């Protein structure tokens, strides 16, 4: 059962329980820099990353 009317209250409760989390609308800047030489490989991600090659 969906209850969209409780969304704001749930966000408030979650913010109280874990205040170090930024609000959902916050933008976080991530800068990645890497160098590879020869046959080296670089894998970078700002969040989850799944490598499936063998």
PDB file of N, CA and C in Angstrom:
ATOM      1  N   UNK A   1       0.854  -1.182   0.000  1.00  0.00           N
ATOM      2  CA  UNK A   1       0.000   0.000   0.000  1.00  0.00           C
ATOM      3  C   UNK A   1       0.897   1.242   0.000  1.00  0.00           C
ATOM      4  N   UNK A   2       0.741   2.098  -0.966  1.00  0.00           N
ATOM      5  CA  UNK A   2       1.515   3.339  -1.055  1.00  0.00           C
ATOM      6  C   UNK A   2       0.858   4.414  -0.196  1.00  0.00           C
ATOM      7  N   UNK A   3       1.696   5.131   0.551  1.00  0.00           N
ATOM      8  CA  UNK A   3       1.182   6.216   1.399  1.00  0.00           C
ATOM      9  C   UNK A   3       2.079   7.436   1.232  1.00  0.00           C
ATOM     10  N   UNK A   4       1.935   8.156   0.112  1.00  0.00           N
ATOM     11  CA  UNK A   4       2.812   9.299  -0.160  1.00  0.00           C
ATOM     12  C   UNK A   4       2.702  10.413   0.888  1.00  0.00           C
ATOM     13  N   UNK A   5       1.629  10.454   1.613  1.00  0.00           N
ATOM     14  CA  UNK A   5       1.453  11.519   2.614  1.00  0.00           C
ATOM     15  C   UNK A   5       2.414  11.387   3.797  1.00  0.00           C
ATOM     16  N   UNK A   6       3.027  10.239   3.976  1.00  0.00           N
ATOM     17  CA  UNK A   6       3.949  10.062   5.108  1.00  0.00           C
ATOM     18  C   UNK A   6       5.420  10.237   4.706  1.00  0.00           C
ATOM     19  N   UNK A   7       5.686  10.553   3.427  1.00  0.00           N
ATOM     20  CA  UNK A   7       7.061  10.661   2.933  1.00  0.00           C
ATOM     21  C   UNK A   7       7.865  11.723   3.681  1.00  0.00           C
ATOM     22  N   UNK A   8       7.326  12.917   3.878  1.00  0.00           N
ATOM     23  CA  UNK A   8       8.059  13.988   4.567  1.00  0.00           C
ATOM     24  C   UNK A   8       8.364  13.608   6.017  1.00  0.00           C
ATOM     25  N   UNK A   9       7.420  13.006   6.687  1.00  0.00           N
ATOM     26  CA  UNK A   9       7.639  12.591   8.074  1.00  0.00           C
ATOM     27  C   UNK A   9       8.722  11.514   8.148  1.00  0.00           C
ATOM     28  N   UNK A  10       8.707  10.586   7.232  1.00  0.00           N
ATOM     29  CA  UNK A  10       9.731   9.543   7.206  1.00  0.00           C
ATOM     30  C   UNK A  10      11.116  10.141   6.951  1.00  0.00           C
ATOM     31  N   UNK A  11      11.203  11.104   6.031  1.00  0.00           N
ATOM     32  CA  UNK A  11      12.493  11.783   5.788  1.00  0.00           C
ATOM     33  C   UNK A  11      12.990  12.488   7.052  1.00  0.00           C
ATOM     34  N   UNK A  12      12.095  13.137   7.785  1.00  0.00           N
ATOM     35  CA  UNK A  12      12.477  13.824   9.006  1.00  0.00           C
ATOM     36  C   UNK A  12      13.008  12.832  10.040  1.00  0.00           C
ATOM     37  N   UNK A  13      12.322  11.722  10.204  1.00  0.00           N
ATOM     38  CA  UNK A  13      12.757  10.700  11.168  1.00  0.00           C
ATOM     39  C   UNK A  13      14.112  10.134  10.772  1.00  0.00           C
ATOM     40  N   UNK A  14      14.293   9.820   9.498  1.00  0.00           N
ATOM     41  CA  UNK A  14      15.574   9.290   9.040  1.00  0.00           C
ATOM     42  C   UNK A  14      16.703  10.297   9.222  1.00  0.00           C
ATOM     43  N   UNK A  15      16.432  11.571   9.006  1.00  0.00           N
ATOM     44  CA  UNK A  15      17.448  12.604   9.207  1.00  0.00           C
ATOM     45  C   UNK A  15      17.848  12.700  10.676  1.00  0.00           C
ATOM     46  N   UNK A  16      16.911  12.510  11.584  1.00  0.00           N
ATOM     47  CA  UNK A  16      17.227  12.507  13.016  1.00  0.00           C
ATOM     48  C   UNK A  16      18.104  11.316  13.384  1.00  0.00           C
ATOM     49  N   UNK A  17      17.818  10.163  12.797  1.00  0.00           N
ATOM     50  CA  UNK A  17      18.559   8.951  13.117  1.00  0.00           C
ATOM     51  C   UNK A  17      19.959   8.943  12.518  1.00  0.00           C
ATOM     52  N   UNK A  18      20.142   9.587  11.391  1.00  0.00           N
ATOM     53  CA  UNK A  18      21.427   9.590  10.712  1.00  0.00           C
ATOM     54  C   UNK A  18      21.689  10.985  10.138  1.00  0.00           C
ATOM     55  N   UNK A  19      22.012  11.962  10.980  1.00  0.00           N
ATOM     56  CA  UNK A  19      22.113  13.355  10.538  1.00  0.00           C
ATOM     57  C   UNK A  19      23.284  13.634   9.597  1.00  0.00           C
ATOM     58  N   UNK A  20      24.295  12.751   9.528  1.00  0.00           N
ATOM     59  CA  UNK A  20      25.421  13.048   8.650  1.00  0.00           C
ATOM     60  C   UNK A  20      25.105  12.807   7.178  1.00  0.00           C
ATOM     61  N   UNK A  21      23.987  12.176   6.869  1.00  0.00           N
ATOM     62  CA  UNK A  21      23.601  11.999   5.482  1.00  0.00           C
ATOM     63  C   UNK A  21      23.088  13.316   4.921  1.00  0.00           C
ATOM     64  N   UNK A  22      23.533  13.693   3.721  1.00  0.00           N
ATOM     65  CA  UNK A  22      23.018  14.927   3.120  1.00  0.00           C
ATOM     66  C   UNK A  22      21.581  14.721   2.664  1.00  0.00           C
ATOM     67  N   UNK A  23      20.810  15.795   2.581  1.00  0.00           N
ATOM     68  CA  UNK A  23      19.444  15.675   2.073  1.00  0.00           C
ATOM     69  C   UNK A  23      19.453  15.075   0.665  1.00  0.00           C
ATOM     70  N   UNK A  24      18.374  14.446   0.271  1.00  0.00           N
ATOM     71  CA  UNK A  24      18.301  13.752  -1.011  1.00  0.00           C
ATOM     72  C   UNK A  24      18.551  14.677  -2.194  1.00  0.00           C
ATOM     73  N   UNK A  25      18.219  15.945  -2.072  1.00  0.00           N
ATOM     74  CA  UNK A  25      18.384  16.881  -3.185  1.00  0.00           C
ATOM     75  C   UNK A  25      19.774  17.508  -3.233  1.00  0.00           C
ATOM     76  N   UNK A  26      20.659  17.131  -2.331  1.00  0.00           N
ATOM     77  CA  UNK A  26      22.006  17.690  -2.296  1.00  0.00           C
ATOM     78  C   UNK A  26      22.866  17.081  -3.400  1.00  0.00           C
ATOM     79  N   UNK A  27      23.637  17.938  -4.049  1.00  0.00           N
ATOM     80  CA  UNK A  27      24.567  17.478  -5.081  1.00  0.00           C
ATOM     81  C   UNK A  27      25.947  17.359  -4.456  1.00  0.00           C
ATOM     82  N   UNK A  28      26.601  16.243  -4.699  1.00  0.00           N
ATOM     83  CA  UNK A  28      27.942  16.020  -4.190  1.00  0.00           C
ATOM     84  C   UNK A  28      28.883  15.963  -5.386  1.00  0.00           C
ATOM     85  N   UNK A  29      29.939  16.759  -5.337  1.00  0.00           N
ATOM     86  CA  UNK A  29      30.893  16.781  -6.432  1.00  0.00           C
ATOM     87  C   UNK A  29      31.955  15.716  -6.205  1.00  0.00           C
ATOM     88  N   UNK A  30      32.218  14.931  -7.229  1.00  0.00           N
ATOM     89  CA  UNK A  30      33.241  13.895  -7.166  1.00  0.00           C
ATOM     90  C   UNK A  30      34.208  14.137  -8.311  1.00  0.00           C
ATOM     91  N   UNK A  31      35.496  14.214  -7.994  1.00  0.00           N
ATOM     92  CA  UNK A  31      36.516  14.380  -9.025  1.00  0.00           C
ATOM     93  C   UNK A  31      37.445  13.184  -8.971  1.00  0.00           C
ATOM     94  N   UNK A  32      37.622  12.572 -10.099  1.00  0.00           N
ATOM     95  CA  UNK A  32      38.484  11.406 -10.183  1.00  0.00           C
ATOM     96  C   UNK A  32      39.593  11.695 -11.192  1.00  0.00           C
ATOM     97  N   UNK A  33      40.792  11.228 -10.874  1.00  0.00           N
ATOM     98  CA  UNK A  33      41.915  11.390 -11.790  1.00  0.00           C
ATOM     99  C   UNK A  33      42.734  10.108 -11.727  1.00  0.00           C
ATOM    100  N   UNK A  34      43.139   9.636 -12.882  1.00  0.00           N
ATOM    101  CA  UNK A  34      43.925   8.413 -12.912  1.00  0.00           C
ATOM    102  C   UNK A  34      44.835   8.416 -14.129  1.00  0.00           C
ATOM    103  N   UNK A  35      45.912   7.698 -14.023  1.00  0.00           N
ATOM    104  CA  UNK A  35      46.826   7.511 -15.147  1.00  0.00           C
ATOM    105  C   UNK A  35      47.187   6.039 -15.224  1.00  0.00           C
ATOM    106  N   UNK A  36      47.278   5.548 -16.430  1.00  0.00           N
ATOM    107  CA  UNK A  36      47.719   4.175 -16.648  1.00  0.00           C
ATOM    108  C   UNK A  36      48.727   4.184 -17.784  1.00  0.00           C
ATOM    109  N   UNK A  37      49.667   3.282 -17.713  1.00  0.00           N
ATOM    110  CA  UNK A  37      50.641   3.184 -18.796  1.00  0.00           C
ATOM    111  C   UNK A  37      50.793   1.725 -19.188  1.00  0.00           C
ATOM    112  N   UNK A  38      51.385   1.527 -20.367  1.00  0.00           N
ATOM    113  CA  UNK A  38      51.541   0.165 -20.850  1.00  0.00           C
ATOM    114  C   UNK A  38      50.185  -0.477 -21.045  1.00  0.00           C
ATOM    115  N   UNK A  39      50.007  -1.658 -20.507  1.00  0.00           N
ATOM    116  CA  UNK A  39      48.705  -2.327 -20.624  1.00  0.00           C
ATOM    117  C   UNK A  39      47.904  -2.207 -19.328  1.00  0.00           C
ATOM    118  N   UNK A  40      48.232  -1.171 -18.517  1.00  0.00           N
ATOM    119  CA  UNK A  40      47.505  -0.953 -17.269  1.00  0.00           C
ATOM    120  C   UNK A  40      46.075  -0.533 -17.529  1.00  0.00           C
ATOM    121  N   UNK A  41      45.223  -0.780 -16.573  1.00  0.00           N
ATOM    122  CA  UNK A  41      43.803  -0.415 -16.676  1.00  0.00           C
ATOM    123  C   UNK A  41      43.416   0.448 -15.488  1.00  0.00           C
ATOM    124  N   UNK A  42      42.458   1.297 -15.706  1.00  0.00           N
ATOM    125  CA  UNK A  42      41.944   2.163 -14.651  1.00  0.00           C
ATOM    126  C   UNK A  42      40.442   1.974 -14.583  1.00  0.00           C
ATOM    127  N   UNK A  43      39.935   1.747 -13.394  1.00  0.00           N
ATOM    128  CA  UNK A  43      38.499   1.625 -13.165  1.00  0.00           C
ATOM    129  C   UNK A  43      38.122   2.668 -12.119  1.00  0.00           C
ATOM    130  N   UNK A  44      37.235   3.564 -12.461  1.00  0.00           N
ATOM    131  CA  UNK A  44      36.820   4.601 -11.528  1.00  0.00           C
ATOM    132  C   UNK A  44      35.303   4.703 -11.520  1.00  0.00           C
ATOM    133  N   UNK A  45      34.779   5.075 -10.364  1.00  0.00           N
ATOM    134  CA  UNK A  45      33.334   5.263 -10.254  1.00  0.00           C
ATOM    135  C   UNK A  45      33.047   6.216  -9.106  1.00  0.00           C
ATOM    136  N   UNK A  46      32.017   7.000  -9.257  1.00  0.00           N
ATOM    137  CA  UNK A  46      31.579   7.887  -8.199  1.00  0.00           C
ATOM    138  C   UNK A  46      30.681   7.182  -7.191  1.00  0.00           C
ATOM    139  N   UNK A  47      30.200   6.019  -7.546  1.00  0.00           N
ATOM    140  CA  UNK A  47      29.372   5.190  -6.663  1.00  0.00           C
ATOM    141  C   UNK A  47      29.690   3.737  -6.914  1.00  0.00           C
ATOM    142  N   UNK A  48      28.667   2.918  -6.995  1.00  0.00           N
ATOM    143  CA  UNK A  48      28.866   1.480  -7.171  1.00  0.00           C
ATOM    144  C   UNK A  48      29.540   1.186  -8.504  1.00  0.00           C
ATOM    145  N   UNK A  49      30.361   0.161  -8.484  1.00  0.00           N
ATOM    146  CA  UNK A  49      31.016  -0.272  -9.712  1.00  0.00           C
ATOM    147  C   UNK A  49      31.093  -1.791  -9.714  1.00  0.00           C
ATOM    148  N   UNK A  50      30.757  -2.373 -10.838  1.00  0.00           N
ATOM    149  CA  UNK A  50      30.793  -3.836 -10.955  1.00  0.00           C
ATOM    150  C   UNK A  50      31.642  -4.178 -12.170  1.00  0.00           C
ATOM    151  N   UNK A  51      32.734  -4.896 -11.954  1.00  0.00           N
ATOM    152  CA  UNK A  51      33.619  -5.302 -13.030  1.00  0.00           C
ATOM    153  C   UNK A  51      33.316  -6.770 -13.326  1.00  0.00           C
ATOM    154  N   UNK A  52      32.993  -7.081 -14.571  1.00  0.00           N
ATOM    155  CA  UNK A  52      32.628  -8.456 -14.907  1.00  0.00           C
ATOM    156  C   UNK A  52      33.605  -9.112 -15.867  1.00  0.00           C
ATOM    157  N   UNK A  53      34.650  -8.422 -16.287  1.00  0.00           N
ATOM    158  CA  UNK A  53      35.593  -9.045 -17.217  1.00  0.00           C
ATOM    159  C   UNK A  53      36.440 -10.079 -16.505  1.00  0.00           C
ATOM    160  N   UNK A  54      36.983 -10.992 -17.251  1.00  0.00           N
ATOM    161  CA  UNK A  54      37.851 -12.035 -16.673  1.00  0.00           C
ATOM    162  C   UNK A  54      39.218 -11.971 -17.275  1.00  0.00           C
TER     163      UNK A  54
END
